[in-house]
Amino acid sequence: VRAGGTLVSIVAPPEARPAEGLAVDFVVESDRAQLGE
């Protein structure tokens, strides 16, 4: 991951983080507008 970039995990909290970026994990949420898109 480049500086300012992001590691997004949908499996579990990331075990390693980018040196100069973000690490994110999340649980999907329902969203009517996004479903429409």
PDB file of all heavy atoms in Angstrom:
ATOM      1  N   VAL A   1       0.835  -1.201   0.000  1.00  0.00           N
ATOM      2  CA  VAL A   1       0.000   0.000   0.000  1.00  0.00           C
ATOM      3  C   VAL A   1       0.867   1.248   0.000  1.00  0.00           C
ATOM      4  O   VAL A   1       1.711   1.447   0.878  1.00  0.00           O
ATOM      5  CB  VAL A   1      -0.947   0.006   1.218  1.00  0.00           C
ATOM      6  CG1 VAL A   1      -1.781   1.291   1.237  1.00  0.00           C
ATOM      7  CG2 VAL A   1      -1.868  -1.212   1.179  1.00  0.00           C
ATOM      8  N   ARG A   2       0.642   2.104  -0.973  1.00  0.00           N
ATOM      9  CA  ARG A   2       1.396   3.347  -1.081  1.00  0.00           C
ATOM     10  C   ARG A   2       1.036   4.316   0.046  1.00  0.00           C
ATOM     11  O   ARG A   2      -0.003   4.181   0.694  1.00  0.00           O
ATOM     12  CB  ARG A   2       1.115   4.021  -2.429  1.00  0.00           C
ATOM     13  CG  ARG A   2       1.629   3.260  -3.636  1.00  0.00           C
ATOM     14  CD  ARG A   2       1.325   4.025  -4.906  1.00  0.00           C
ATOM     15  NE  ARG A   2       1.829   3.327  -6.087  1.00  0.00           N
ATOM     16  CZ  ARG A   2       1.114   3.069  -7.168  1.00  0.00           C
ATOM     17  NH1 ARG A   2      -0.157   3.460  -7.229  1.00  0.00           N
ATOM     18  NH2 ARG A   2       1.658   2.430  -8.195  1.00  0.00           N
ATOM     19  N   ALA A   3       1.866   5.318   0.221  1.00  0.00           N
ATOM     20  CA  ALA A   3       1.592   6.365   1.210  1.00  0.00           C
ATOM     21  C   ALA A   3       0.234   7.003   0.914  1.00  0.00           C
ATOM     22  O   ALA A   3      -0.050   7.376  -0.224  1.00  0.00           O
ATOM     23  CB  ALA A   3       2.690   7.422   1.177  1.00  0.00           C
ATOM     24  N   GLY A   4      -0.588   7.073   1.942  1.00  0.00           N
ATOM     25  CA  GLY A   4      -1.922   7.643   1.782  1.00  0.00           C
ATOM     26  C   GLY A   4      -2.953   6.659   1.304  1.00  0.00           C
ATOM     27  O   GLY A   4      -4.134   7.010   1.172  1.00  0.00           O
ATOM     28  N   GLY A   5      -2.548   5.412   1.044  1.00  0.00           N
ATOM     29  CA  GLY A   5      -3.474   4.391   0.556  1.00  0.00           C
ATOM     30  C   GLY A   5      -4.190   3.667   1.688  1.00  0.00           C
ATOM     31  O   GLY A   5      -4.033   3.991   2.867  1.00  0.00           O
ATOM     32  N   THR A   6      -4.975   2.650   1.317  1.00  0.00           N
ATOM     33  CA  THR A   6      -5.818   1.959   2.291  1.00  0.00           C
ATOM     34  C   THR A   6      -5.836   0.457   2.033  1.00  0.00           C
ATOM     35  O   THR A   6      -5.920   0.017   0.887  1.00  0.00           O
ATOM     36  CB  THR A   6      -7.271   2.485   2.225  1.00  0.00           C
ATOM     37  OG1 THR A   6      -7.274   3.908   2.344  1.00  0.00           O
ATOM     38  CG2 THR A   6      -8.114   1.890   3.343  1.00  0.00           C
ATOM     39  N   LEU A   7      -5.758  -0.306   3.110  1.00  0.00           N
ATOM     40  CA  LEU A   7      -6.007  -1.743   3.087  1.00  0.00           C
ATOM     41  C   LEU A   7      -7.380  -1.980   3.686  1.00  0.00           C
ATOM     42  O   LEU A   7      -7.625  -1.662   4.851  1.00  0.00           O
ATOM     43  CB  LEU A   7      -4.948  -2.487   3.898  1.00  0.00           C
ATOM     44  CG  LEU A   7      -5.215  -3.961   4.222  1.00  0.00           C
ATOM     45  CD1 LEU A   7      -5.300  -4.796   2.953  1.00  0.00           C
ATOM     46  CD2 LEU A   7      -4.148  -4.525   5.157  1.00  0.00           C
ATOM     47  N   VAL A   8      -8.312  -2.482   2.881  1.00  0.00           N
ATOM     48  CA  VAL A   8      -9.669  -2.771   3.330  1.00  0.00           C
ATOM     49  C   VAL A   8      -9.828  -4.278   3.430  1.00  0.00           C
ATOM     50  O   VAL A   8      -9.645  -5.005   2.444  1.00  0.00           O
ATOM     51  CB  VAL A   8     -10.721  -2.204   2.355  1.00  0.00           C
ATOM     52  CG1 VAL A   8     -12.123  -2.635   2.773  1.00  0.00           C
ATOM     53  CG2 VAL A   8     -10.640  -0.693   2.293  1.00  0.00           C
ATOM     54  N   SER A   9     -10.168  -4.777   4.619  1.00  0.00           N
ATOM     55  CA  SER A   9     -10.370  -6.205   4.827  1.00  0.00           C
ATOM     56  C   SER A   9     -11.833  -6.491   5.122  1.00  0.00           C
ATOM     57  O   SER A   9     -12.462  -5.791   5.922  1.00  0.00           O
ATOM     58  CB  SER A   9      -9.525  -6.703   5.996  1.00  0.00           C
ATOM     59  OG  SER A   9      -9.855  -8.043   6.327  1.00  0.00           O
ATOM     60  N   ILE A  10     -12.356  -7.527   4.476  1.00  0.00           N
ATOM     61  CA  ILE A  10     -13.721  -7.968   4.793  1.00  0.00           C
ATOM     62  C   ILE A  10     -13.688  -9.308   5.505  1.00  0.00           C
ATOM     63  O   ILE A  10     -14.726  -9.944   5.708  1.00  0.00           O
ATOM     64  CB  ILE A  10     -14.599  -8.061   3.527  1.00  0.00           C
ATOM     65  CG1 ILE A  10     -14.008  -9.072   2.524  1.00  0.00           C
ATOM     66  CG2 ILE A  10     -14.763  -6.691   2.895  1.00  0.00           C
ATOM     67  CD1 ILE A  10     -14.943  -9.385   1.370  1.00  0.00           C
ATOM     68  N   VAL A  11     -12.483  -9.757   5.897  1.00  0.00           N
ATOM     69  CA  VAL A  11     -12.311 -11.058   6.535  1.00  0.00           C
ATOM     70  C   VAL A  11     -12.218 -10.910   8.050  1.00  0.00           C
ATOM     71  O   VAL A  11     -12.899 -11.601   8.800  1.00  0.00           O
ATOM     72  CB  VAL A  11     -11.048 -11.761   5.998  1.00  0.00           C
ATOM     73  CG1 VAL A  11     -10.914 -13.143   6.611  1.00  0.00           C
ATOM     74  CG2 VAL A  11     -11.079 -11.843   4.483  1.00  0.00           C
ATOM     75  N   ALA A  12     -11.333 -10.022   8.504  1.00  0.00           N
ATOM     76  CA  ALA A  12     -11.061  -9.826   9.928  1.00  0.00           C
ATOM     77  C   ALA A  12     -10.247  -8.556  10.059  1.00  0.00           C
ATOM     78  O   ALA A  12      -9.751  -8.019   9.060  1.00  0.00           O
ATOM     79  CB  ALA A  12     -10.287 -11.016  10.489  1.00  0.00           C
ATOM     80  N   PRO A  13     -10.055  -8.050  11.278  1.00  0.00           N
ATOM     81  CA  PRO A  13      -9.148  -6.922  11.451  1.00  0.00           C
ATOM     82  C   PRO A  13      -7.776  -7.259  10.878  1.00  0.00           C
ATOM     83  O   PRO A  13      -7.232  -8.327  11.166  1.00  0.00           O
ATOM     84  CB  PRO A  13      -9.099  -6.742  12.974  1.00  0.00           C
ATOM     85  CG  PRO A  13     -10.416  -7.261  13.450  1.00  0.00           C
ATOM     86  CD  PRO A  13     -10.723  -8.423  12.551  1.00  0.00           C
ATOM     87  N   PRO A  14      -7.199  -6.385  10.062  1.00  0.00           N
ATOM     88  CA  PRO A  14      -5.908  -6.691   9.430  1.00  0.00           C
ATOM     89  C   PRO A  14      -4.824  -6.970  10.469  1.00  0.00           C
ATOM     90  O   PRO A  14      -4.713  -6.273  11.482  1.00  0.00           O
ATOM     91  CB  PRO A  14      -5.603  -5.418   8.643  1.00  0.00           C
ATOM     92  CG  PRO A  14      -6.938  -4.788   8.405  1.00  0.00           C
ATOM     93  CD  PRO A  14      -7.749  -5.095   9.623  1.00  0.00           C
ATOM     94  N   GLU A  15      -4.021  -8.029  10.202  1.00  0.00           N
ATOM     95  CA  GLU A  15      -2.933  -8.389  11.107  1.00  0.00           C
ATOM     96  C   GLU A  15      -1.719  -7.501  10.907  1.00  0.00           C
ATOM     97  O   GLU A  15      -0.836  -7.428  11.768  1.00  0.00           O
ATOM     98  CB  GLU A  15      -2.552  -9.851  10.897  1.00  0.00           C
ATOM     99  CG  GLU A  15      -3.672 -10.824  11.235  1.00  0.00           C
ATOM    100  CD  GLU A  15      -3.239 -12.263  11.016  1.00  0.00           C
ATOM    101  OE1 GLU A  15      -2.149 -12.634  11.480  1.00  0.00           O
ATOM    102  OE2 GLU A  15      -3.991 -13.013  10.366  1.00  0.00           O
ATOM    103  N   ALA A  16      -1.625  -6.858   9.752  1.00  0.00           N
ATOM    104  CA  ALA A  16      -0.531  -5.924   9.474  1.00  0.00           C
ATOM    105  C   ALA A  16      -1.124  -4.659   8.871  1.00  0.00           C
ATOM    106  O   ALA A  16      -2.147  -4.710   8.183  1.00  0.00           O
ATOM    107  CB  ALA A  16       0.475  -6.551   8.508  1.00  0.00           C
ATOM    108  N   ARG A  17      -0.488  -3.539   9.136  1.00  0.00           N
ATOM    109  CA  ARG A  17      -0.998  -2.259   8.672  1.00  0.00           C
ATOM    110  C   ARG A  17       0.002  -1.614   7.724  1.00  0.00           C
ATOM    111  O   ARG A  17       1.226  -1.772   7.896  1.00  0.00           O
ATOM    112  CB  ARG A  17      -1.264  -1.325   9.857  1.00  0.00           C
ATOM    113  CG  ARG A  17      -2.141  -1.925  10.945  1.00  0.00           C
ATOM    114  CD  ARG A  17      -2.350  -0.957  12.083  1.00  0.00           C
ATOM    115  NE  ARG A  17      -3.241   0.122  11.711  1.00  0.00           N
ATOM    116  CZ  ARG A  17      -4.575   0.044  11.779  1.00  0.00           C
ATOM    117  NH1 ARG A  17      -5.158  -1.054  12.199  1.00  0.00           N
ATOM    118  NH2 ARG A  17      -5.319   1.084  11.423  1.00  0.00           N
ATOM    119  N   PRO A  18      -0.472  -0.867   6.739  1.00  0.00           N
ATOM    120  CA  PRO A  18       0.452  -0.148   5.861  1.00  0.00           C
ATOM    121  C   PRO A  18       1.302   0.832   6.658  1.00  0.00           C
ATOM    122  O   PRO A  18       0.834   1.430   7.630  1.00  0.00           O
ATOM    123  CB  PRO A  18      -0.479   0.594   4.889  1.00  0.00           C
ATOM    124  CG  PRO A  18      -1.779  -0.140   4.964  1.00  0.00           C
ATOM    125  CD  PRO A  18      -1.885  -0.656   6.356  1.00  0.00           C
ATOM    126  N   ALA A  19       2.559   0.996   6.233  1.00  0.00           N
ATOM    127  CA  ALA A  19       3.466   1.883   6.962  1.00  0.00           C
ATOM    128  C   ALA A  19       2.988   3.327   6.943  1.00  0.00           C
ATOM    129  O   ALA A  19       3.122   4.053   7.937  1.00  0.00           O
ATOM    130  CB  ALA A  19       4.869   1.781   6.372  1.00  0.00           C
ATOM    131  N   GLU A  20       2.415   3.758   5.819  1.00  0.00           N
ATOM    132  CA  GLU A  20       1.987   5.151   5.694  1.00  0.00           C
ATOM    133  C   GLU A  20       0.560   5.240   5.153  1.00  0.00           C
ATOM    134  O   GLU A  20       0.230   6.164   4.404  1.00  0.00           O
ATOM    135  CB  GLU A  20       2.942   5.913   4.771  1.00  0.00           C
ATOM    136  CG  GLU A  20       4.368   5.959   5.265  1.00  0.00           C
ATOM    137  CD  GLU A  20       5.262   6.742   4.313  1.00  0.00           C
ATOM    138  OE1 GLU A  20       5.199   7.989   4.321  1.00  0.00           O
ATOM    139  OE2 GLU A  20       6.010   6.091   3.553  1.00  0.00           O
ATOM    140  N   GLY A  21      -0.273   4.292   5.518  1.00  0.00           N
ATOM    141  CA  GLY A  21      -1.651   4.295   5.053  1.00  0.00           C
ATOM    142  C   GLY A  21      -2.598   3.821   6.137  1.00  0.00           C
ATOM    143  O   GLY A  21      -2.220   3.671   7.299  1.00  0.00           O
ATOM    144  N   LEU A  22      -3.823   3.564   5.742  1.00  0.00           N
ATOM    145  CA  LEU A  22      -4.862   3.127   6.673  1.00  0.00           C
ATOM    146  C   LEU A  22      -5.151   1.640   6.512  1.00  0.00           C
ATOM    147  O   LEU A  22      -4.978   1.069   5.431  1.00  0.00           O
ATOM    148  CB  LEU A  22      -6.152   3.911   6.412  1.00  0.00           C
ATOM    149  CG  LEU A  22      -6.112   5.425   6.595  1.00  0.00           C
ATOM    150  CD1 LEU A  22      -7.454   6.032   6.190  1.00  0.00           C
ATOM    151  CD2 LEU A  22      -5.771   5.785   8.029  1.00  0.00           C
ATOM    152  N   ALA A  23      -5.624   1.026   7.592  1.00  0.00           N
ATOM    153  CA  ALA A  23      -6.130  -0.345   7.547  1.00  0.00           C
ATOM    154  C   ALA A  23      -7.535  -0.335   8.123  1.00  0.00           C
ATOM    155  O   ALA A  23      -7.765   0.193   9.215  1.00  0.00           O
ATOM    156  CB  ALA A  23      -5.237  -1.289   8.343  1.00  0.00           C
ATOM    157  N   VAL A  24      -8.473  -0.887   7.376  1.00  0.00           N
ATOM    158  CA  VAL A  24      -9.892  -0.817   7.748  1.00  0.00           C
ATOM    159  C   VAL A  24     -10.516  -2.196   7.609  1.00  0.00           C
ATOM    160  O   VAL A  24     -10.238  -2.923   6.648  1.00  0.00           O
ATOM    161  CB  VAL A  24     -10.655   0.166   6.830  1.00  0.00           C
ATOM    162  CG1 VAL A  24     -12.127   0.212   7.192  1.00  0.00           C
ATOM    163  CG2 VAL A  24     -10.034   1.556   6.878  1.00  0.00           C
ATOM    164  N   ASP A  25     -11.345  -2.584   8.586  1.00  0.00           N
ATOM    165  CA  ASP A  25     -12.237  -3.726   8.389  1.00  0.00           C
ATOM    166  C   ASP A  25     -13.639  -3.274   8.746  1.00  0.00           C
ATOM    167  O   ASP A  25     -13.815  -2.358   9.557  1.00  0.00           O
ATOM    168  CB  ASP A  25     -11.813  -4.931   9.234  1.00  0.00           C
ATOM    169  CG  ASP A  25     -11.985  -4.690  10.725  1.00  0.00           C
ATOM    170  OD1 ASP A  25     -11.208  -3.861  11.286  1.00  0.00           O
ATOM    171  OD2 ASP A  25     -12.871  -5.298  11.332  1.00  0.00           O
ATOM    172  N   PHE A  26     -14.641  -3.880   8.135  1.00  0.00           N
ATOM    173  CA  PHE A  26     -16.005  -3.405   8.359  1.00  0.00           C
ATOM    174  C   PHE A  26     -17.004  -4.532   8.172  1.00  0.00           C
ATOM    175  O   PHE A  26     -16.703  -5.566   7.565  1.00  0.00           O
ATOM    176  CB  PHE A  26     -16.339  -2.247   7.408  1.00  0.00           C
ATOM    177  CG  PHE A  26     -16.524  -2.656   5.968  1.00  0.00           C
ATOM    178  CD1 PHE A  26     -17.799  -2.808   5.432  1.00  0.00           C
ATOM    179  CD2 PHE A  26     -15.426  -2.891   5.137  1.00  0.00           C
ATOM    180  CE1 PHE A  26     -17.976  -3.180   4.107  1.00  0.00           C
ATOM    181  CE2 PHE A  26     -15.597  -3.247   3.817  1.00  0.00           C
ATOM    182  CZ  PHE A  26     -16.877  -3.404   3.295  1.00  0.00           C
ATOM    183  N   VAL A  27     -18.184  -4.329   8.717  1.00  0.00           N
ATOM    184  CA  VAL A  27     -19.326  -5.226   8.509  1.00  0.00           C
ATOM    185  C   VAL A  27     -20.304  -4.509   7.598  1.00  0.00           C
ATOM    186  O   VAL A  27     -20.685  -3.357   7.864  1.00  0.00           O
ATOM    187  CB  VAL A  27     -19.999  -5.599   9.841  1.00  0.00           C
ATOM    188  CG1 VAL A  27     -21.237  -6.447   9.588  1.00  0.00           C
ATOM    189  CG2 VAL A  27     -19.023  -6.339  10.748  1.00  0.00           C
ATOM    190  N   VAL A  28     -20.713  -5.178   6.531  1.00  0.00           N
ATOM    191  CA  VAL A  28     -21.587  -4.552   5.556  1.00  0.00           C
ATOM    192  C   VAL A  28     -22.931  -4.172   6.189  1.00  0.00           C
ATOM    193  O   VAL A  28     -23.443  -4.884   7.065  1.00  0.00           O
ATOM    194  CB  VAL A  28     -21.791  -5.484   4.341  1.00  0.00           C
ATOM    195  CG1 VAL A  28     -22.514  -6.764   4.739  1.00  0.00           C
ATOM    196  CG2 VAL A  28     -22.537  -4.779   3.218  1.00  0.00           C
ATOM    197  N   GLU A  29     -23.505  -3.066   5.739  1.00  0.00           N
ATOM    198  CA  GLU A  29     -24.789  -2.585   6.232  1.00  0.00           C
ATOM    199  C   GLU A  29     -25.759  -2.428   5.073  1.00  0.00           C
ATOM    200  O   GLU A  29     -25.358  -2.091   3.959  1.00  0.00           O
ATOM    201  CB  GLU A  29     -24.622  -1.240   6.940  1.00  0.00           C
ATOM    202  CG  GLU A  29     -23.726  -1.284   8.156  1.00  0.00           C
ATOM    203  CD  GLU A  29     -23.584   0.081   8.805  1.00  0.00           C
ATOM    204  OE1 GLU A  29     -24.058   1.071   8.207  1.00  0.00           O
ATOM    205  OE2 GLU A  29     -23.017   0.162   9.911  1.00  0.00           O
ATOM    206  N   SER A  30     -27.025  -2.630   5.361  1.00  0.00           N
ATOM    207  CA  SER A  30     -28.031  -2.428   4.327  1.00  0.00           C
ATOM    208  C   SER A  30     -28.186  -0.944   4.033  1.00  0.00           C
ATOM    209  O   SER A  30     -28.068  -0.096   4.927  1.00  0.00           O
ATOM    210  CB  SER A  30     -29.374  -3.009   4.771  1.00  0.00           C
ATOM    211  OG  SER A  30     -30.290  -2.990   3.703  1.00  0.00           O
ATOM    212  N   ASP A  31     -28.417  -0.630   2.764  1.00  0.00           N
ATOM    213  CA  ASP A  31     -28.587   0.762   2.352  1.00  0.00           C
ATOM    214  C   ASP A  31     -29.449   0.776   1.097  1.00  0.00           C
ATOM    215  O   ASP A  31     -29.024   0.296   0.048  1.00  0.00           O
ATOM    216  CB  ASP A  31     -27.214   1.394   2.085  1.00  0.00           C
ATOM    217  CG  ASP A  31     -27.316   2.891   1.805  1.00  0.00           C
ATOM    218  OD1 ASP A  31     -27.886   3.257   0.760  1.00  0.00           O
ATOM    219  OD2 ASP A  31     -26.805   3.676   2.623  1.00  0.00           O
ATOM    220  N   ARG A  32     -30.651   1.339   1.211  1.00  0.00           N
ATOM    221  CA  ARG A  32     -31.595   1.296   0.090  1.00  0.00           C
ATOM    222  C   ARG A  32     -31.065   2.040  -1.136  1.00  0.00           C
ATOM    223  O   ARG A  32     -31.188   1.556  -2.261  1.00  0.00           O
ATOM    224  CB  ARG A  32     -32.947   1.877   0.523  1.00  0.00           C
ATOM    225  CG  ARG A  32     -34.000   1.852  -0.585  1.00  0.00           C
ATOM    226  CD  ARG A  32     -35.328   2.407  -0.090  1.00  0.00           C
ATOM    227  NE  ARG A  32     -35.959   1.475   0.851  1.00  0.00           N
ATOM    228  CZ  ARG A  32     -37.105   1.737   1.483  1.00  0.00           C
ATOM    229  NH1 ARG A  32     -37.707   2.900   1.291  1.00  0.00           N
ATOM    230  NH2 ARG A  32     -37.624   0.860   2.315  1.00  0.00           N
ATOM    231  N   ALA A  33     -30.459   3.197  -0.916  1.00  0.00           N
ATOM    232  CA  ALA A  33     -29.953   3.971  -2.049  1.00  0.00           C
ATOM    233  C   ALA A  33     -28.839   3.224  -2.770  1.00  0.00           C
ATOM    234  O   ALA A  33     -28.780   3.208  -4.010  1.00  0.00           O
ATOM    235  CB  ALA A  33     -29.463   5.331  -1.578  1.00  0.00           C
ATOM    236  N   GLN A  34     -27.946   2.600  -2.025  1.00  0.00           N
ATOM    237  CA  GLN A  34     -26.859   1.849  -2.640  1.00  0.00           C
ATOM    238  C   GLN A  34     -27.393   0.622  -3.377  1.00  0.00           C
ATOM    239  O   GLN A  34     -26.897   0.287  -4.477  1.00  0.00           O
ATOM    240  CB  GLN A  34     -25.843   1.433  -1.588  1.00  0.00           C
ATOM    241  CG  GLN A  34     -25.067   2.605  -1.003  1.00  0.00           C
ATOM    242  CD  GLN A  34     -24.178   2.209   0.158  1.00  0.00           C
ATOM    243  OE1 GLN A  34     -24.025   1.029   0.474  1.00  0.00           O
ATOM    244  NE2 GLN A  34     -23.589   3.200   0.815  1.00  0.00           N
ATOM    245  N   LEU A  35     -28.373  -0.053  -2.820  1.00  0.00           N
ATOM    246  CA  LEU A  35     -28.990  -1.177  -3.522  1.00  0.00           C
ATOM    247  C   LEU A  35     -29.572  -0.711  -4.856  1.00  0.00           C
ATOM    248  O   LEU A  35     -29.475  -1.412  -5.869  1.00  0.00           O
ATOM    249  CB  LEU A  35     -30.085  -1.808  -2.664  1.00  0.00           C
ATOM    250  CG  LEU A  35     -29.623  -2.652  -1.479  1.00  0.00           C
ATOM    251  CD1 LEU A  35     -30.803  -2.985  -0.578  1.00  0.00           C
ATOM    252  CD2 LEU A  35     -28.933  -3.935  -1.944  1.00  0.00           C
ATOM    253  N   GLY A  36     -30.172   0.481  -4.850  1.00  0.00           N
ATOM    254  CA  GLY A  36     -30.719   1.021  -6.089  1.00  0.00           C
ATOM    255  C   GLY A  36     -29.628   1.295  -7.122  1.00  0.00           C
ATOM    256  O   GLY A  36     -29.811   1.031  -8.319  1.00  0.00           O
ATOM    257  N   GLU A  37     -28.489   1.821  -6.666  1.00  0.00           N
ATOM    258  CA  GLU A  37     -27.362   2.060  -7.577  1.00  0.00           C
ATOM    259  C   GLU A  37     -26.871   0.748  -8.178  1.00  0.00           C
ATOM    260  O   GLU A  37     -26.555   0.657  -9.375  1.00  0.00           O
ATOM    261  CB  GLU A  37     -26.211   2.743  -6.823  1.00  0.00           C
ATOM    262  CG  GLU A  37     -26.495   4.147  -6.356  1.00  0.00           C
ATOM    263  CD  GLU A  37     -26.257   5.173  -7.461  1.00  0.00           C
ATOM    264  OE1 GLU A  37     -25.943   4.770  -8.590  1.00  0.00           O
ATOM    265  OE2 GLU A  37     -26.390   6.375  -7.175  1.00  0.00           O
TER     266      GLU A  37
END
